[in-house]
Amino acid sequence: MADPFFILVVIAVLAVVGVLVLGLGGFAGGGAFNKANSNKLMRWRIILQFIAVILIVIYVAFFKG
């Protein structure tokens, strides 16, 4: 069985990728969606990236040492 913490790290990374793709799609399409949501999506991406990086550092420090 896979390590549950590793699964949490993968979910966090996939969440970052999902928000990034959504933001890039909105940017490419432009229009009202981009104007209304671009800053929100950027903030969410930064927050999720921070969480993902912290989880990766914890995983490497404690589970692969």
Protein backbone atom coordinates (compact mmCIF):
# COMPACT_ATOMS: atom_id res chain seq x y z
CA MET A 1 0.00 0.00 0.00
CA ALA A 2 1.24 3.50 -0.84
CA ASP A 3 2.27 5.90 1.89
CA PRO A 4 -0.69 8.15 2.80
CA PHE A 5 1.56 11.19 3.20
CA PHE A 6 2.96 10.64 -0.29
CA ILE A 7 -0.60 10.53 -1.62
CA LEU A 8 -1.25 13.86 0.15
CA VAL A 9 1.83 15.34 -1.54
CA VAL A 10 0.64 14.11 -4.95
CA ILE A 11 -2.83 15.59 -4.36
CA ALA A 12 -1.26 18.95 -3.43
CA VAL A 13 0.88 18.95 -6.58
CA LEU A 14 -2.11 18.01 -8.75
CA ALA A 15 -4.11 20.84 -7.17
CA VAL A 16 -1.35 23.28 -8.14
CA VAL A 17 -1.34 21.93 -11.69
CA GLY A 18 -5.13 22.18 -11.87
CA VAL A 19 -5.21 25.82 -10.79
CA LEU A 20 -2.30 26.60 -13.12
CA VAL A 21 -4.06 25.04 -16.11
CA LEU A 22 -7.30 26.84 -15.24
CA GLY A 23 -5.44 30.15 -15.01
CA LEU A 24 -3.58 29.60 -18.27
CA GLY A 25 -6.81 28.65 -20.01
CA GLY A 26 -8.49 31.79 -18.73
CA PHE A 27 -5.54 33.90 -19.78
CA ALA A 28 -5.49 32.36 -23.25
CA GLY A 29 -9.21 32.87 -23.69
CA GLY A 30 -9.23 36.35 -22.24
CA GLY A 31 -12.56 38.05 -21.80
CA ALA A 32 -14.72 38.41 -18.72
CA PHE A 33 -13.57 35.19 -17.04
CA ASN A 34 -9.95 36.30 -17.12
CA LYS A 35 -10.74 39.78 -15.81
CA ALA A 36 -12.86 38.43 -12.97
CA ASN A 37 -10.69 35.52 -11.87
CA SER A 38 -7.05 36.00 -12.86
CA ASN A 39 -5.90 37.49 -9.54
CA LYS A 40 -7.89 34.96 -7.50
CA LEU A 41 -6.41 32.06 -9.43
CA MET A 42 -2.89 33.47 -9.05
CA ARG A 43 -3.35 33.79 -5.29
CA TRP A 44 -4.72 30.25 -5.04
CA ARG A 45 -1.79 28.93 -7.09
CA ILE A 46 0.73 30.64 -4.82
CA ILE A 47 -0.98 29.34 -1.67
CA LEU A 48 -1.21 25.81 -3.06
CA GLN A 49 2.41 25.92 -4.22
CA PHE A 50 3.51 26.95 -0.73
CA ILE A 51 1.57 24.08 0.81
CA ALA A 52 2.92 21.61 -1.75
CA VAL A 53 6.52 22.71 -1.20
CA ILE A 54 6.18 22.46 2.58
CA LEU A 55 4.68 18.97 2.27
CA ILE A 56 7.47 17.88 -0.10
CA VAL A 57 10.14 19.19 2.28
CA ILE A 58 8.51 17.38 5.21
CA TYR A 59 8.25 14.19 3.18
CA VAL A 60 11.90 14.31 2.12
CA ALA A 61 13.11 15.23 5.61
CA PHE A 62 11.19 12.62 7.57
CA PHE A 63 10.34 9.77 5.24
CA LYS A 64 13.37 9.52 2.95
CA GLY A 65 16.10 10.25 5.49
